[in-house]
Amino acid sequence: MSKRIYRLCAKACIIFCLVIFTSQCFAQSSSVSAKEAADSSLKYLRIIGSVYNFAQQNFVDEVDARRLYEGAMKGMLEALGDPYTVYFNTEEMKQFNETTMGSFGGVGLSITKRESSTADVLPYVYVISALENTPGARAGILPGDYIKEVDGVSTAELSLQEATDKMRGQVGTSVELTVLRNKNIEFKKKLVRALIEVASVKYDMIGSFGYLHILQFSPETARRVEEAIDFFKQHNFTGLVIDLRNDGGGFMTSAIEIADKFIDSGPIVSTKSRFEFENSVYNAHVDKTTFPRGIPIAILINKGTASASEILAGALKDNHLAYLIGENSYGKGSVQQFIPLSENDGIKLTIARYYSPSDANIDKIGIPPDREVLFPVLSDEEGKIFSDLMKSDAIKDYVDVHPDMTERDITAYAVELQRQYKLDLRTLRRLVRLNATFLKGGFVYDTDYDVQLNAAVDMLKNEDFQMLMKSTRTLKELEASRQPADDGTKS
């Protein structure tokens, strides 16, 4: 036996023995002391180190140490089974910083991917939200849609990060997405990547009511919300609509700062981790409250309302300050910490779960609205017609030739479209308006199409807000109502 073969066999034997010994230690007891757990962790680290060195020294080709390191980091964090715990290499780190703090080239879709697929949850990338006035939003992609393919590659075969990387790219280049909606409507859209600015807030007046659309919770969002409140005060507003639809979240600290403008005392949110000493409660401060007391608030939520936006909605709901309208929110009740590493890379790790003021966690459950208002669902026949329209470039081509369309022009073209595509006229007007008006960037709301916004305005205008508040339940009360009562029997 040659010295090299002998050395390989010896190393392999050591690794094998370490694996067997460690597995036997774990098999002896499912409940180990802190010291035993630490010893076991050390043994696993030694095994990982041994395999790392063994592969680097003996693999048939030259091995890039950085590649082994990145592969180990990705695999280790993916093994935790948490879609929000991820490793960022140098390029991904740059993209992450651009997403949270600046701008990037992309299509404007906030996406996720479920841990496992079922009959109800398909294995593809899932759209949480489409940022306003971005290629994805203008193409009509909605929260709840699946991105089945990116440039012909099935997202069932891609990790979340790989799918994100394929959709991003140089501004002006194109990417083709295959979109699946309601499991029966499928269409392809070629999108031209644009500079995606990390916008935070839009606001305007709807009659005597303020309309505040929070797009994302960035470090600047709280300041922009304060500007909006000042604007509403100058216009003597009598009610407020806070639109959190399609807001995938952002910084928890930003949500806390904003909630503090509305809540004058008590908890806004609390976090709980594995260790009690790390738990935190974030309380409101009366000196930071700037929103006038007694002004009724309606909050719009949908399946794209997630994370930090759920913190704000839950805090105002539990304090009986706002009435929620729309549909059930996404349900992301966990907190991540970003940790930079020494190689210009980093990790994002789930470190805690957050709880509303009434001590409810909405992870994988979401927040139900106080009043459900849904957009009309297309029939199978309408779905096929809609799919045909989305596959065509009829609207885009028309708008390109008629760049200065008025509302009258939009309606006239929608009527013309309806002759070929037998869909609701309001839906057609919306699709034309998305291309004709949103491209200008000054469009804040759409009362022609938006049944949820109209329901919120009607509530503020015509109903007794204080009586409505008396009928609402906290998230903890709703949680209790979902749990079966204990009648003393067992099955």
Protein backbone atom coordinates (compact mmCIF):
# COMPACT_ATOMS: atom_id res chain seq x y z
CA MET A 1 0.00 0.00 0.00
CA SER A 2 1.41 3.40 -0.97
CA LYS A 3 1.98 6.08 1.64
CA ARG A 4 -0.67 8.31 0.02
CA ILE A 5 -3.35 5.59 0.03
CA TYR A 6 -2.41 4.71 3.62
CA ARG A 7 -2.77 8.37 4.64
CA LEU A 8 -6.18 8.66 2.93
CA CYS A 9 -7.46 5.51 4.62
CA ALA A 10 -6.24 6.67 8.01
CA LYS A 11 -7.96 10.05 7.69
CA ALA A 12 -11.17 8.47 6.46
CA CYS A 13 -11.11 6.06 9.41
CA ILE A 14 -10.69 8.93 11.88
CA ILE A 15 -13.62 10.83 10.40
CA PHE A 16 -15.80 7.70 10.38
CA CYS A 17 -14.97 6.98 14.02
CA LEU A 18 -15.75 10.56 15.04
CA VAL A 19 -19.15 10.38 13.32
CA ILE A 20 -20.03 7.05 14.97
CA PHE A 21 -18.85 8.21 18.40
CA THR A 22 -20.78 11.47 18.22
CA SER A 23 -24.00 9.83 17.00
CA GLN A 24 -23.79 7.31 19.86
CA CYS A 25 -23.40 10.12 22.38
CA PHE A 26 -26.55 11.80 21.05
CA ALA A 27 -28.50 8.53 20.97
CA GLN A 28 -27.96 7.93 24.66
CA SER A 29 -30.22 10.74 25.81
CA SER A 30 -32.64 13.15 24.17
CA SER A 31 -32.20 15.55 27.08
CA VAL A 32 -28.62 16.61 27.69
CA SER A 33 -27.08 19.08 30.09
CA ALA A 34 -25.60 22.36 28.92
CA LYS A 35 -22.10 20.91 29.30
CA GLU A 36 -23.00 17.79 27.32
CA ALA A 37 -24.60 19.92 24.60
CA ALA A 38 -21.48 22.10 24.41
CA ASP A 39 -19.24 19.01 24.24
CA SER A 40 -21.39 17.54 21.47
CA SER A 41 -21.26 20.80 19.51
CA LEU A 42 -17.49 20.79 19.78
CA LYS A 43 -17.35 17.23 18.47
CA TYR A 44 -19.44 18.20 15.44
CA LEU A 45 -17.23 21.20 14.78
CA ARG A 46 -14.19 18.89 14.84
CA ILE A 47 -15.86 16.57 12.33
CA ILE A 48 -16.70 19.50 10.04
CA GLY A 49 -13.13 20.74 10.28
CA SER A 50 -11.75 17.27 9.54
CA VAL A 51 -13.98 16.86 6.46
CA TYR A 52 -13.11 20.37 5.28
CA ASN A 53 -9.37 19.65 5.48
CA PHE A 54 -9.76 16.16 4.04
CA ALA A 55 -11.67 17.42 0.99
CA GLN A 56 -9.31 20.35 0.45
CA GLN A 57 -6.19 18.17 0.54
CA ASN A 58 -7.46 15.08 -1.28
CA PHE A 59 -10.19 16.02 -3.78
CA VAL A 60 -9.25 15.04 -7.34
CA ASP A 61 -9.12 18.70 -8.50
CA GLU A 62 -7.66 21.83 -6.93
CA VAL A 63 -10.10 23.11 -4.30
CA ASP A 64 -11.03 26.75 -3.71
CA ALA A 65 -11.15 27.15 0.08
CA ARG A 66 -13.62 30.04 -0.20
CA ARG A 67 -16.01 27.87 -2.19
CA LEU A 68 -15.97 25.18 0.50
CA TYR A 69 -16.53 27.81 3.17
CA GLU A 70 -19.52 29.38 1.39
CA GLY A 71 -21.05 25.99 0.67
CA ALA A 72 -20.74 24.98 4.31
CA MET A 73 -22.30 28.26 5.50
CA LYS A 74 -25.24 27.98 3.10
CA GLY A 75 -25.88 24.34 3.94
CA MET A 76 -25.64 24.90 7.69
CA LEU A 77 -28.19 27.71 7.74
CA GLU A 78 -30.54 26.02 5.26
CA ALA A 79 -30.56 22.98 7.57
CA LEU A 80 -32.39 25.10 10.18
CA GLY A 81 -35.46 25.01 7.93
CA ASP A 82 -36.19 28.73 8.30
CA PRO A 83 -36.64 30.67 5.03
CA TYR A 84 -35.59 33.92 6.76
CA THR A 85 -32.26 32.57 8.04
CA VAL A 86 -29.78 32.87 5.18
CA TYR A 87 -26.12 33.31 4.30
CA PHE A 88 -25.02 36.20 2.05
CA ASN A 89 -21.83 35.90 0.02
CA THR A 90 -20.04 39.09 -1.04
CA GLU A 91 -22.28 39.77 -4.05
CA GLU A 92 -25.47 38.88 -2.16
CA MET A 93 -24.32 41.10 0.69
CA LYS A 94 -24.04 44.00 -1.72
CA GLN A 95 -27.54 43.31 -3.05
CA PHE A 96 -28.92 43.08 0.49
CA ASN A 97 -27.47 46.48 1.39
CA GLU A 98 -28.85 47.99 -1.81
CA THR A 99 -32.30 46.56 -1.10
CA THR A 100 -32.51 47.85 2.46
CA MET A 101 -30.71 51.16 2.10
CA GLY A 102 -30.50 52.26 -1.52
CA SER A 103 -31.49 51.07 -4.98
CA PHE A 104 -30.84 48.19 -7.35
CA GLY A 105 -31.66 46.86 -10.81
CA GLY A 106 -34.64 44.53 -10.76
CA VAL A 107 -38.37 44.06 -11.33
CA GLY A 108 -39.72 45.20 -7.94
CA LEU A 109 -41.13 41.94 -6.57
CA SER A 110 -40.85 40.91 -2.93
CA ILE A 111 -40.78 37.10 -2.96
CA THR A 112 -40.48 34.11 -0.65
CA LYS A 113 -40.50 30.34 -0.95
CA ARG A 114 -42.32 27.95 1.32
CA GLU A 115 -40.32 25.30 3.17
CA SER A 116 -42.29 22.45 1.61
CA SER A 117 -45.02 22.04 -0.99
CA THR A 118 -48.51 20.63 -0.45
CA ALA A 119 -51.72 20.42 -2.44
CA ASP A 120 -52.40 24.03 -1.42
CA VAL A 121 -48.81 25.33 -1.44
CA LEU A 122 -47.01 24.91 -4.74
CA PRO A 123 -43.20 24.49 -4.86
CA TYR A 124 -42.59 27.73 -6.75
CA VAL A 125 -41.46 31.19 -5.65
CA TYR A 126 -44.37 33.09 -4.12
CA VAL A 127 -45.00 36.84 -4.52
CA ILE A 128 -45.47 38.68 -1.21
CA SER A 129 -45.84 42.08 -2.83
CA ALA A 130 -45.13 44.09 -5.97
CA LEU A 131 -43.60 47.49 -5.25
CA GLU A 132 -45.61 50.33 -6.75
CA ASN A 133 -44.52 51.83 -10.06
CA THR A 134 -42.05 49.01 -10.80
CA PRO A 135 -41.93 46.62 -13.78
CA GLY A 136 -43.57 43.86 -11.73
CA ALA A 137 -46.47 46.03 -10.58
CA ARG A 138 -47.04 47.52 -14.02
CA ALA A 139 -47.15 44.02 -15.49
CA GLY A 140 -50.10 43.28 -13.21
CA ILE A 141 -48.30 40.76 -10.95
CA LEU A 142 -50.16 40.50 -7.62
CA PRO A 143 -49.51 39.23 -4.08
CA GLY A 144 -50.28 35.53 -4.02
CA ASP A 145 -49.07 34.92 -7.58
CA TYR A 146 -46.45 32.24 -8.12
CA ILE A 147 -43.41 32.87 -10.29
CA LYS A 148 -43.30 29.46 -11.94
CA GLU A 149 -40.29 30.12 -14.18
CA VAL A 150 -37.57 32.74 -14.59
CA ASP A 151 -36.16 32.80 -18.11
CA GLY A 152 -37.47 29.27 -18.63
CA VAL A 153 -35.94 27.86 -15.42
CA SER A 154 -38.45 26.38 -12.96
CA THR A 155 -38.26 28.09 -9.56
CA ALA A 156 -39.11 24.73 -7.99
CA GLU A 157 -35.46 23.88 -8.65
CA LEU A 158 -34.09 27.20 -7.33
CA SER A 159 -33.42 28.46 -3.84
CA LEU A 160 -35.01 31.78 -2.87
CA GLN A 161 -31.68 33.55 -3.26
CA GLU A 162 -31.05 31.95 -6.68
CA ALA A 163 -34.48 33.08 -7.89
CA THR A 164 -33.81 36.61 -6.59
CA ASP A 165 -30.44 36.71 -8.33
CA LYS A 166 -32.00 35.65 -11.65
CA MET A 167 -34.62 38.40 -11.47
CA ARG A 168 -32.12 41.11 -10.64
CA GLY A 169 -29.61 42.45 -13.09
CA GLN A 170 -28.43 45.44 -15.07
CA VAL A 171 -30.98 48.19 -15.60
CA GLY A 172 -32.40 48.01 -19.14
CA THR A 173 -31.95 44.26 -19.57
CA SER A 174 -34.97 41.98 -19.74
CA VAL A 175 -36.15 38.89 -17.89
CA GLU A 176 -39.12 36.65 -18.74
CA LEU A 177 -41.35 35.44 -15.90
CA THR A 178 -43.98 32.72 -16.12
CA VAL A 179 -46.72 33.73 -13.68
CA LEU A 180 -49.25 31.31 -12.17
CA ARG A 181 -52.38 32.76 -10.55
CA ASN A 182 -55.10 30.83 -8.71
CA LYS A 183 -53.53 27.62 -10.09
CA ASN A 184 -55.49 28.01 -13.34
CA ILE A 185 -54.26 31.26 -14.92
CA GLU A 186 -50.79 31.11 -16.44
CA PHE A 187 -49.10 33.78 -18.51
CA LYS A 188 -45.63 34.96 -19.45
CA LYS A 189 -44.43 38.55 -19.07
CA LYS A 190 -41.16 39.93 -20.37
CA LEU A 191 -40.07 42.66 -17.95
CA VAL A 192 -37.35 45.22 -18.50
CA ARG A 193 -35.31 45.65 -15.33
CA ALA A 194 -35.45 49.14 -13.87
CA LEU A 195 -33.71 51.03 -11.09
CA ILE A 196 -35.73 50.02 -8.04
CA GLU A 197 -35.67 52.89 -5.58
CA VAL A 198 -36.34 51.94 -2.00
CA ALA A 199 -39.36 54.20 -1.56
CA SER A 200 -41.05 54.43 1.82
CA VAL A 201 -44.18 56.61 1.92
CA LYS A 202 -46.83 58.19 -0.31
CA TYR A 203 -49.62 60.40 0.99
CA ASP A 204 -52.47 62.64 -0.15
CA MET A 205 -55.96 63.73 0.79
CA ILE A 206 -59.15 61.88 -0.19
CA GLY A 207 -61.75 64.53 0.53
CA SER A 208 -61.39 65.31 4.24
CA PHE A 209 -59.49 62.09 4.97
CA GLY A 210 -55.76 61.59 4.97
CA TYR A 211 -54.37 58.71 2.91
CA LEU A 212 -51.01 57.34 4.07
CA HIS A 213 -49.46 54.53 2.04
CA ILE A 214 -46.42 52.99 3.75
CA LEU A 215 -44.51 51.07 1.10
CA GLN A 216 -41.59 49.85 3.20
CA PHE A 217 -40.16 50.29 6.69
CA SER A 218 -36.75 51.81 6.06
CA PRO A 219 -34.67 54.01 8.40
CA GLU A 220 -36.28 57.07 6.76
CA THR A 221 -39.91 55.92 6.96
CA ALA A 222 -40.72 57.33 10.43
CA ARG A 223 -39.55 60.79 9.36
CA ARG A 224 -41.64 60.61 6.20
CA VAL A 225 -44.70 59.51 8.20
CA GLU A 226 -44.25 62.56 10.45
CA GLU A 227 -44.19 64.76 7.33
CA ALA A 228 -47.45 63.14 6.23
CA ILE A 229 -49.11 63.74 9.63
CA ASP A 230 -48.11 67.43 9.44
CA PHE A 231 -49.58 67.59 5.92
CA PHE A 232 -52.88 66.08 7.11
CA LYS A 233 -53.06 68.53 10.02
CA GLN A 234 -52.59 71.45 7.62
CA HIS A 235 -55.57 70.15 5.62
CA ASN A 236 -57.77 69.74 8.73
CA PHE A 237 -58.25 66.02 8.21
CA THR A 238 -61.08 64.21 10.01
CA GLY A 239 -59.94 60.61 9.49
CA LEU A 240 -56.99 58.59 8.27
CA VAL A 241 -56.49 55.56 6.01
CA ILE A 242 -53.16 53.76 6.54
CA ASP A 243 -52.47 51.50 3.56
CA LEU A 244 -50.18 48.60 4.49
CA ARG A 245 -51.13 46.37 1.57
CA ASN A 246 -48.24 44.78 -0.29
CA ASP A 247 -45.81 46.12 2.33
CA GLY A 248 -43.38 43.27 2.94
CA GLY A 249 -41.91 44.97 6.02
CA GLY A 250 -38.38 46.14 6.74
CA PHE A 251 -36.83 47.41 9.96
CA MET A 252 -38.69 46.55 13.17
CA THR A 253 -37.29 49.72 14.78
CA SER A 254 -39.01 51.76 12.07
CA ALA A 255 -42.38 50.13 12.82
CA ILE A 256 -41.90 50.85 16.54
CA GLU A 257 -41.05 54.52 15.87
CA ILE A 258 -44.17 54.93 13.74
CA ALA A 259 -46.47 53.14 16.20
CA ASP A 260 -45.14 55.46 18.93
CA LYS A 261 -46.61 58.40 17.02
CA PHE A 262 -50.10 56.94 17.53
CA ILE A 263 -49.85 55.11 20.88
CA ASP A 264 -49.12 57.16 24.01
CA SER A 265 -48.50 54.41 26.59
CA GLY A 266 -48.11 50.67 27.06
CA PRO A 267 -46.34 48.06 24.93
CA ILE A 268 -46.01 48.39 21.17
CA VAL A 269 -44.39 45.01 20.61
CA SER A 270 -42.34 42.48 22.55
CA THR A 271 -39.79 39.91 21.42
CA LYS A 272 -39.14 36.49 22.93
CA SER A 273 -36.16 34.27 22.22
CA ARG A 274 -34.83 30.98 23.58
CA PHE A 275 -33.43 32.74 26.63
CA GLU A 276 -35.62 34.77 28.95
CA PHE A 277 -32.92 37.34 29.69
CA GLU A 278 -32.89 38.28 25.97
CA ASN A 279 -36.63 39.05 25.86
CA SER A 280 -37.53 42.69 25.27
CA VAL A 281 -40.60 44.91 25.55
CA TYR A 282 -40.81 48.11 23.50
CA ASN A 283 -43.12 50.65 25.15
CA ALA A 284 -44.75 53.80 23.81
CA HIS A 285 -43.81 57.24 25.13
CA VAL A 286 -46.36 60.00 25.48
CA ASP A 287 -43.81 62.67 24.48
CA LYS A 288 -43.37 60.95 21.09
CA THR A 289 -47.08 60.79 20.28
CA THR A 290 -47.85 63.26 17.48
CA PHE A 291 -51.09 61.90 16.00
CA PRO A 292 -54.17 63.75 17.36
CA ARG A 293 -56.34 61.70 19.72
CA GLY A 294 -59.88 60.97 18.60
CA ILE A 295 -59.16 60.88 14.86
CA PRO A 296 -60.54 57.59 13.47
CA ILE A 297 -58.11 55.31 11.64
CA ALA A 298 -58.75 52.60 9.05
CA ILE A 299 -55.89 50.25 8.14
CA LEU A 300 -55.84 48.35 4.85
CA ILE A 301 -54.17 44.92 4.91
CA ASN A 302 -53.85 42.03 2.47
CA LYS A 303 -51.79 38.88 1.94
CA GLY A 304 -48.81 41.09 1.03
CA THR A 305 -48.86 42.80 4.46
CA ALA A 306 -45.95 41.20 6.33
CA SER A 307 -43.42 41.54 9.13
CA ALA A 308 -42.94 45.17 10.25
CA SER A 309 -46.25 46.21 8.70
CA GLU A 310 -47.95 43.49 10.76
CA ILE A 311 -46.25 44.89 13.88
CA LEU A 312 -47.80 48.31 13.20
CA ALA A 313 -51.24 46.92 12.32
CA GLY A 314 -51.24 44.63 15.36
CA ALA A 315 -50.15 47.39 17.73
CA LEU A 316 -52.89 49.79 16.62
CA LYS A 317 -55.49 47.01 16.58
CA ASP A 318 -54.66 45.78 20.08
CA ASN A 319 -54.83 49.35 21.39
CA HIS A 320 -58.27 49.79 19.77
CA LEU A 321 -57.03 52.73 17.71
CA ALA A 322 -57.65 51.37 14.21
CA TYR A 323 -60.20 49.31 12.30
CA LEU A 324 -58.67 46.79 9.88
CA ILE A 325 -60.19 46.31 6.42
CA GLY A 326 -59.20 43.97 3.59
CA GLU A 327 -57.98 40.40 3.85
CA ASN A 328 -55.80 38.26 6.10
CA SER A 329 -52.17 39.40 6.30
CA TYR A 330 -49.16 37.24 5.44
CA GLY A 331 -48.10 36.05 8.90
CA LYS A 332 -44.39 36.69 9.51
CA GLY A 333 -43.97 36.92 13.26
CA SER A 334 -40.22 36.41 13.58
CA VAL A 335 -37.30 38.79 14.10
CA GLN A 336 -34.00 38.56 12.21
CA GLN A 337 -30.61 39.96 13.15
CA PHE A 338 -28.06 40.74 10.48
CA ILE A 339 -24.49 39.77 11.37
CA PRO A 340 -21.63 40.90 9.08
CA LEU A 341 -18.69 38.50 8.78
CA SER A 342 -15.02 39.09 8.10
CA GLU A 343 -15.03 38.18 4.40
CA ASN A 344 -17.39 40.98 3.26
CA ASP A 345 -20.20 38.47 3.70
CA GLY A 346 -22.80 37.98 6.41
CA ILE A 347 -25.73 36.05 7.78
CA LYS A 348 -29.31 36.92 8.63
CA LEU A 349 -30.48 34.80 11.55
CA THR A 350 -33.92 34.46 13.12
CA ILE A 351 -33.27 35.23 16.79
CA ALA A 352 -36.75 35.77 18.24
CA ARG A 353 -40.48 35.90 17.65
CA TYR A 354 -42.43 39.08 18.18
CA TYR A 355 -45.69 39.46 20.08
CA SER A 356 -48.39 42.11 19.81
CA PRO A 357 -49.40 44.28 22.80
CA SER A 358 -51.97 41.64 23.81
CA ASP A 359 -49.19 38.99 23.72
CA ALA A 360 -50.18 37.22 20.49
CA ASN A 361 -47.78 35.87 17.88
CA ILE A 362 -49.10 35.79 14.30
CA ASP A 363 -46.35 33.73 12.65
CA LYS A 364 -47.79 31.57 9.84
CA ILE A 365 -51.28 32.77 10.88
CA GLY A 366 -51.42 36.45 9.98
CA ILE A 367 -53.81 39.13 11.16
CA PRO A 368 -57.47 38.83 10.13
CA PRO A 369 -59.25 42.06 9.14
CA ASP A 370 -62.08 43.38 11.27
CA ARG A 371 -64.02 43.63 8.01
CA GLU A 372 -63.17 41.39 5.09
CA VAL A 373 -63.38 43.09 1.70
CA LEU A 374 -62.14 41.11 -1.28
CA PHE A 375 -61.60 41.95 -4.91
CA PRO A 376 -63.82 39.99 -7.32
CA VAL A 377 -62.43 36.58 -8.29
CA LEU A 378 -62.31 35.76 -11.98
CA SER A 379 -64.25 32.74 -13.20
CA ASP A 380 -62.39 30.04 -15.14
CA GLU A 381 -63.60 31.55 -18.40
CA GLU A 382 -62.62 35.08 -17.33
CA GLY A 383 -59.28 33.71 -16.14
CA LYS A 384 -58.52 32.39 -19.61
CA ILE A 385 -59.49 35.74 -21.15
CA PHE A 386 -57.37 37.61 -18.61
CA SER A 387 -54.44 35.28 -19.34
CA ASP A 388 -54.78 35.95 -23.08
CA LEU A 389 -54.80 39.71 -22.46
CA MET A 390 -51.74 39.52 -20.19
CA LYS A 391 -49.87 37.46 -22.80
CA SER A 392 -50.46 40.16 -25.39
CA ASP A 393 -48.82 43.59 -25.46
CA ALA A 394 -52.04 45.28 -26.59
CA ILE A 395 -52.26 47.72 -23.67
CA LYS A 396 -48.55 48.54 -23.61
CA ASP A 397 -48.45 49.13 -27.36
CA TYR A 398 -51.50 51.40 -27.22
CA VAL A 399 -50.14 53.44 -24.30
CA ASP A 400 -46.77 53.83 -26.03
CA VAL A 401 -48.55 55.48 -28.97
CA HIS A 402 -50.85 57.53 -26.68
CA PRO A 403 -48.55 58.65 -23.81
CA ASP A 404 -50.77 61.45 -22.45
CA MET A 405 -54.02 59.59 -21.79
CA THR A 406 -56.66 61.26 -19.61
CA GLU A 407 -59.24 59.38 -17.51
CA ARG A 408 -61.70 59.82 -20.38
CA ASP A 409 -59.14 58.31 -22.79
CA ILE A 410 -58.55 55.40 -20.39
CA THR A 411 -62.27 54.64 -20.21
CA ALA A 412 -62.69 54.92 -23.99
CA TYR A 413 -59.85 52.47 -24.63
CA ALA A 414 -61.16 50.09 -21.93
CA VAL A 415 -64.53 50.02 -23.71
CA GLU A 416 -62.71 49.25 -26.95
CA LEU A 417 -60.73 46.46 -25.26
CA GLN A 418 -63.92 44.96 -23.83
CA ARG A 419 -65.15 44.16 -27.33
CA GLN A 420 -62.35 41.60 -27.64
CA TYR A 421 -61.70 40.75 -23.97
CA LYS A 422 -64.99 40.18 -22.13
CA LEU A 423 -63.89 41.34 -18.68
CA ASP A 424 -65.32 43.75 -16.12
CA LEU A 425 -64.85 47.31 -17.38
CA ARG A 426 -63.39 48.45 -14.05
CA THR A 427 -60.70 45.74 -14.30
CA LEU A 428 -59.83 46.81 -17.82
CA ARG A 429 -59.64 50.47 -16.79
CA ARG A 430 -57.28 49.44 -13.98
CA LEU A 431 -54.95 47.60 -16.36
CA VAL A 432 -54.85 50.54 -18.75
CA ARG A 433 -54.36 52.98 -15.88
CA LEU A 434 -51.44 50.92 -14.52
CA ASN A 435 -49.60 51.48 -17.79
CA ALA A 436 -50.83 54.98 -18.65
CA THR A 437 -50.71 56.76 -15.30
CA PHE A 438 -48.41 54.84 -12.95
CA LEU A 439 -45.59 55.32 -15.45
CA LYS A 440 -45.69 59.03 -14.55
CA GLY A 441 -45.04 58.23 -10.90
CA GLY A 442 -47.59 60.68 -9.49
CA PHE A 443 -50.45 58.26 -8.96
CA VAL A 444 -51.20 57.80 -5.25
CA TYR A 445 -54.52 55.90 -5.13
CA ASP A 446 -57.19 54.47 -7.42
CA THR A 447 -60.74 54.97 -6.12
CA ASP A 448 -62.19 53.73 -9.39
CA TYR A 449 -60.89 50.18 -8.95
CA ASP A 450 -59.89 49.89 -5.28
CA VAL A 451 -62.89 48.38 -3.47
CA GLN A 452 -60.92 48.02 -0.22
CA LEU A 453 -59.92 51.67 -0.15
CA ASN A 454 -63.50 52.68 -0.97
CA ALA A 455 -64.77 50.52 1.91
CA ALA A 456 -62.36 52.27 4.29
CA VAL A 457 -63.45 55.73 3.14
CA ASP A 458 -67.13 54.76 3.41
CA MET A 459 -66.54 53.49 6.95
CA LEU A 460 -64.87 56.72 8.03
CA LYS A 461 -67.59 58.79 6.39
CA ASN A 462 -70.73 56.94 7.43
CA GLU A 463 -70.16 54.80 10.54
CA ASP A 464 -69.72 55.39 14.27
CA PHE A 465 -66.02 54.65 14.75
CA GLN A 466 -66.16 54.36 18.54
CA MET A 467 -68.95 51.80 18.33
CA LEU A 468 -66.91 49.82 15.80
CA MET A 469 -63.93 49.83 18.16
CA LYS A 470 -66.06 48.34 20.93
CA SER A 471 -66.91 45.41 18.67
CA THR A 472 -63.30 44.54 17.75
CA ARG A 473 -61.20 41.93 19.51
CA THR A 474 -57.48 41.95 20.29
CA LEU A 475 -55.18 39.48 18.57
CA LYS A 476 -54.92 37.50 21.81
CA GLU A 477 -58.71 37.22 22.02
CA LEU A 478 -58.80 36.06 18.41
CA GLU A 479 -56.06 33.55 19.16
CA ALA A 480 -58.07 32.15 22.07
CA SER A 481 -61.17 31.82 19.90
CA ARG A 482 -59.24 29.67 17.39
CA GLN A 483 -58.22 27.15 20.07
CA PRO A 484 -60.73 24.35 20.76
CA ALA A 485 -62.35 24.50 24.18
CA ASP A 486 -61.26 21.84 26.68
CA ASP A 487 -64.48 19.91 27.52
CA GLY A 488 -62.70 17.33 29.64
CA THR A 489 -62.86 14.56 27.03
CA LYS A 490 -60.01 12.91 25.18
CA SER A 491 -59.94 11.13 21.87
